[in-house]
Amino acid sequence: MSEQTLPGTEVCGHRSGLFVAFEGGDGAGKSTQSGLLAAWLREQGVEVVQTREPGGTELGRALRELVLHGPDGSVSPRAEALIFAADRAHHVATVVRPALERGAVVLSDRYLDSSVAYQGAARQLGHDEVRALSLWAVMGLLPDLTVLLDVPAAEGRVRRGDVHDRLEREADTFHDRVRQGFLDLAQAEPDRYLVLDGTLPPAELATAVRERVASRLGVAR
């Protein structure tokens, strides 16, 4: 298949490609599944932009270092939410939206639902307030599909090993609230979500993701 403009949705008034976000707790396997899907799509001749939040831009990399790799207590919860929203605004304006407008498939390791789960639910800043902040930052852009890889907090901690950033160092009770925050979002918007048991083998998860994306693109699985 040659590179193509894909039958996506209207995004803020523009004909678009396809926007897929990978969400889940730390250690859920988001980067692995994003990489596997990107490789398969490229085999089909589809243009793929693989990115992440925070850190998908030069500004994002600086903000990522600031918010994730400082000492505990170095960033207040509200400042944390604002930093992630600032990264997201720049990321969408300079990477995500231009790629969608030219018909590419954009795969993002985390997007605004992470802010709702981490800052809204786990930091207890409020689901509606944090979601509204991010929606304002991105001018209302939502993914066409959000893949939620669901793993228990204890499993995520085992997978991460001995290296933890400032959020990963939080107690399992914090990560339990993150997990529930994601599940609540998926329950509220079931058509936008593909919820998968993140403890399943990566190949099995990749097949499920590929089948859902293939059905959106109209390509052979």
Protein backbone atom coordinates (compact mmCIF):
# COMPACT_ATOMS: atom_id res chain seq x y z
CA MET A 1 0.00 0.00 0.00
CA SER A 2 1.35 3.44 -0.85
CA GLU A 3 1.27 6.34 1.58
CA GLN A 4 -2.24 7.66 1.78
CA THR A 5 -4.61 10.11 3.34
CA LEU A 6 -6.56 8.00 5.79
CA PRO A 7 -10.31 8.07 6.44
CA GLY A 8 -10.09 9.70 9.85
CA THR A 9 -12.40 12.15 11.56
CA GLU A 10 -12.88 15.87 11.49
CA VAL A 11 -10.52 17.39 14.05
CA CYS A 12 -11.28 21.02 14.89
CA GLY A 13 -12.68 21.58 11.42
CA HIS A 14 -9.90 19.87 9.46
CA ARG A 15 -9.96 16.54 7.61
CA SER A 16 -7.47 14.43 9.50
CA GLY A 17 -5.47 11.26 9.76
CA LEU A 18 -5.89 8.97 12.74
CA PHE A 19 -4.89 9.84 16.30
CA VAL A 20 -4.22 6.94 18.70
CA ALA A 21 -3.19 7.50 22.33
CA PHE A 22 -1.73 4.79 24.57
CA GLU A 23 -2.63 5.20 28.23
CA GLY A 24 -2.12 3.30 31.45
CA GLY A 25 -0.14 3.34 34.64
CA ASP A 26 3.64 3.40 34.81
CA GLY A 27 5.04 0.09 33.58
CA ALA A 28 1.89 -0.88 31.66
CA GLY A 29 3.70 -1.43 28.35
CA LYS A 30 2.56 1.66 26.43
CA SER A 31 5.86 2.27 24.65
CA THR A 32 6.12 -1.38 23.63
CA GLN A 33 2.64 -1.44 22.10
CA SER A 34 3.10 1.92 20.40
CA GLY A 35 6.30 0.64 18.81
CA LEU A 36 4.73 -2.61 17.63
CA LEU A 37 1.78 -0.79 16.08
CA ALA A 38 4.07 1.75 14.40
CA ALA A 39 6.15 -1.01 12.84
CA TRP A 40 3.06 -2.76 11.47
CA LEU A 41 1.58 0.44 10.05
CA ARG A 42 4.82 1.29 8.30
CA GLU A 43 4.79 -2.15 6.71
CA GLN A 44 1.42 -1.16 5.22
CA GLY A 45 2.99 1.98 3.73
CA VAL A 46 1.25 4.34 6.14
CA GLU A 47 2.98 7.47 7.40
CA VAL A 48 3.34 7.20 11.17
CA VAL A 49 4.36 9.85 13.68
CA GLN A 50 5.31 8.20 16.97
CA THR A 51 5.57 10.60 19.90
CA ARG A 52 5.07 10.91 23.65
CA GLU A 53 4.03 13.20 26.48
CA PRO A 54 5.83 14.82 28.05
CA GLY A 55 8.89 14.93 25.82
CA GLY A 56 7.65 14.90 22.23
CA THR A 57 9.28 18.26 21.49
CA GLU A 58 12.44 20.09 22.54
CA LEU A 59 10.37 22.15 24.98
CA GLY A 60 8.67 18.98 26.17
CA ARG A 61 12.01 17.32 26.92
CA ALA A 62 12.98 20.27 29.12
CA LEU A 63 9.63 20.20 30.90
CA ARG A 64 9.87 16.42 31.32
CA GLU A 65 13.20 16.78 33.09
CA LEU A 66 11.77 19.50 35.30
CA VAL A 67 8.57 17.75 36.33
CA LEU A 68 9.64 14.09 36.46
CA HIS A 69 13.25 14.10 37.56
CA GLY A 70 13.35 16.64 40.34
CA PRO A 71 13.36 15.66 44.01
CA ASP A 72 10.14 14.72 45.79
CA GLY A 73 8.13 17.82 46.65
CA SER A 74 9.90 19.98 44.05
CA VAL A 75 6.70 20.63 42.05
CA SER A 76 3.35 21.40 43.65
CA PRO A 77 0.30 19.47 42.36
CA ARG A 78 -1.27 22.46 40.59
CA ALA A 79 2.04 23.48 39.05
CA GLU A 80 2.46 19.88 37.89
CA ALA A 81 -0.93 19.98 36.13
CA LEU A 82 -0.07 23.30 34.47
CA ILE A 83 3.33 22.07 33.27
CA PHE A 84 1.79 19.00 31.65
CA ALA A 85 -0.87 21.19 30.02
CA ALA A 86 1.80 23.58 28.68
CA ASP A 87 3.74 20.66 27.21
CA ARG A 88 0.55 19.30 25.64
CA ALA A 89 -0.40 22.63 24.09
CA HIS A 90 2.97 22.95 22.37
CA HIS A 91 3.09 19.27 21.42
CA VAL A 92 -0.30 19.39 19.70
CA ALA A 93 0.38 22.69 17.94
CA THR A 94 3.79 21.69 16.57
CA VAL A 95 3.68 17.89 16.17
CA VAL A 96 0.26 16.26 16.48
CA ARG A 97 -2.07 18.58 14.60
CA PRO A 98 0.25 19.18 11.61
CA ALA A 99 0.71 15.41 11.20
CA LEU A 100 -3.03 14.76 11.37
CA GLU A 101 -3.78 17.49 8.87
CA ARG A 102 -1.50 15.89 6.30
CA GLY A 103 -3.20 12.49 6.84
CA ALA A 104 -0.65 10.68 9.01
CA VAL A 105 -1.35 8.27 11.85
CA VAL A 106 -0.17 9.78 15.14
CA LEU A 107 0.66 7.42 18.02
CA SER A 108 1.19 9.15 21.35
CA ASP A 109 2.54 7.51 24.47
CA ARG A 110 0.19 9.35 26.89
CA TYR A 111 -2.16 12.25 26.21
CA LEU A 112 -4.65 14.31 28.21
CA ASP A 113 -6.31 11.34 29.95
CA SER A 114 -3.04 10.86 31.82
CA SER A 115 -3.45 14.31 33.34
CA VAL A 116 -7.02 13.51 34.35
CA ALA A 117 -5.91 10.23 35.97
CA TYR A 118 -2.71 11.45 37.62
CA GLN A 119 -3.45 15.05 38.57
CA GLY A 120 -7.26 14.95 38.56
CA ALA A 121 -7.80 11.61 40.32
CA ALA A 122 -4.56 10.67 42.08
CA ARG A 123 -3.58 14.24 43.09
CA GLN A 124 -7.27 14.88 43.76
CA LEU A 125 -7.34 18.18 41.85
CA GLY A 126 -10.65 17.28 40.20
CA HIS A 127 -11.51 15.34 37.06
CA ASP A 128 -13.50 18.14 35.42
CA GLU A 129 -11.04 20.91 36.23
CA VAL A 130 -7.97 19.08 34.90
CA ARG A 131 -9.79 17.83 31.79
CA ALA A 132 -11.05 21.33 31.00
CA LEU A 133 -7.51 22.71 31.34
CA SER A 134 -6.11 20.19 28.86
CA LEU A 135 -8.99 20.57 26.41
CA TRP A 136 -8.41 24.33 26.40
CA ALA A 137 -4.69 23.76 25.83
CA VAL A 138 -5.29 21.55 22.76
CA MET A 139 -8.34 23.38 21.36
CA GLY A 140 -10.56 20.37 22.02
CA LEU A 141 -8.51 17.73 20.20
CA LEU A 142 -9.32 14.19 21.40
CA PRO A 143 -7.86 10.91 20.10
CA ASP A 144 -9.87 8.82 17.67
CA LEU A 145 -8.86 5.79 19.76
CA THR A 146 -7.39 5.50 23.24
CA VAL A 147 -5.75 2.16 24.09
CA LEU A 148 -5.79 1.61 27.86
CA LEU A 149 -3.36 -1.02 29.10
CA ASP A 150 -4.67 -1.89 32.53
CA VAL A 151 -2.24 -3.31 35.10
CA PRO A 152 -2.43 -3.40 38.91
CA ALA A 153 -0.18 -0.91 40.69
CA ALA A 154 1.95 -3.68 42.24
CA GLU A 155 2.58 -5.23 38.83
CA GLY A 156 3.64 -1.89 37.41
CA ARG A 157 6.12 -1.42 40.24
CA VAL A 158 7.67 -4.85 39.61
CA ARG A 159 8.03 -4.08 35.90
CA ARG A 160 9.74 -0.75 36.54
CA GLY A 161 12.47 -2.35 38.62
CA ASP A 162 14.74 -0.13 40.68
CA VAL A 163 14.58 3.06 38.59
CA HIS A 164 11.69 5.40 39.38
CA ASP A 165 10.92 9.00 38.45
CA ARG A 166 9.18 11.43 40.79
CA LEU A 167 5.68 10.14 39.99
CA GLU A 168 6.70 6.48 39.88
CA ARG A 169 8.06 6.83 43.43
CA GLU A 170 4.57 7.55 44.75
CA ALA A 171 2.95 4.88 46.96
CA ASP A 172 0.80 2.12 45.50
CA THR A 173 -2.29 3.88 46.88
CA PHE A 174 -1.50 6.80 44.53
CA HIS A 175 -1.12 4.43 41.59
CA ASP A 176 -4.34 2.64 42.55
CA ARG A 177 -6.13 6.00 42.21
CA VAL A 178 -4.44 6.51 38.82
CA ARG A 179 -5.67 3.11 37.65
CA GLN A 180 -9.22 3.78 38.79
CA GLY A 181 -9.10 7.20 37.15
CA PHE A 182 -8.31 5.60 33.80
CA LEU A 183 -11.01 2.96 34.21
CA ASP A 184 -13.58 5.63 35.06
CA LEU A 185 -12.66 7.54 31.90
CA ALA A 186 -12.98 4.40 29.78
CA GLN A 187 -16.37 3.61 31.27
CA ALA A 188 -17.59 7.14 30.51
CA GLU A 189 -16.44 7.04 26.85
CA PRO A 190 -16.49 3.37 25.79
CA ASP A 191 -16.57 4.13 22.05
CA ARG A 192 -13.23 5.96 22.27
CA TYR A 193 -11.46 3.32 24.36
CA LEU A 194 -9.97 -0.11 23.84
CA VAL A 195 -9.34 -1.50 27.34
CA LEU A 196 -6.91 -4.40 27.49
CA ASP A 197 -5.51 -6.53 30.29
CA GLY A 198 -1.92 -5.29 30.32
CA THR A 199 -0.70 -8.49 32.00
CA LEU A 200 -1.35 -10.48 28.80
CA PRO A 201 1.61 -11.35 26.51
CA PRO A 202 2.75 -8.37 24.39
CA ALA A 203 2.09 -10.22 21.12
CA GLU A 204 -1.52 -10.91 22.14
CA LEU A 205 -2.04 -7.27 23.07
CA ALA A 206 -0.47 -6.13 19.80
CA THR A 207 -2.89 -8.28 17.82
CA ALA A 208 -5.90 -6.75 19.58
CA VAL A 209 -4.62 -3.22 18.99
CA ARG A 210 -3.80 -3.94 15.36
CA GLU A 211 -7.27 -5.36 14.71
CA ARG A 212 -8.99 -2.28 16.11
CA VAL A 213 -6.75 0.12 14.17
CA ALA A 214 -7.06 -1.92 10.97
CA SER A 215 -10.84 -1.69 11.18
CA ARG A 216 -10.54 2.10 11.38
CA LEU A 217 -8.18 2.30 8.41
CA GLY A 218 -9.82 -0.32 6.24
CA VAL A 219 -6.61 -2.31 5.71
CA ALA A 220 -5.97 -6.06 5.81
CA ARG A 221 -5.00 -7.48 9.21
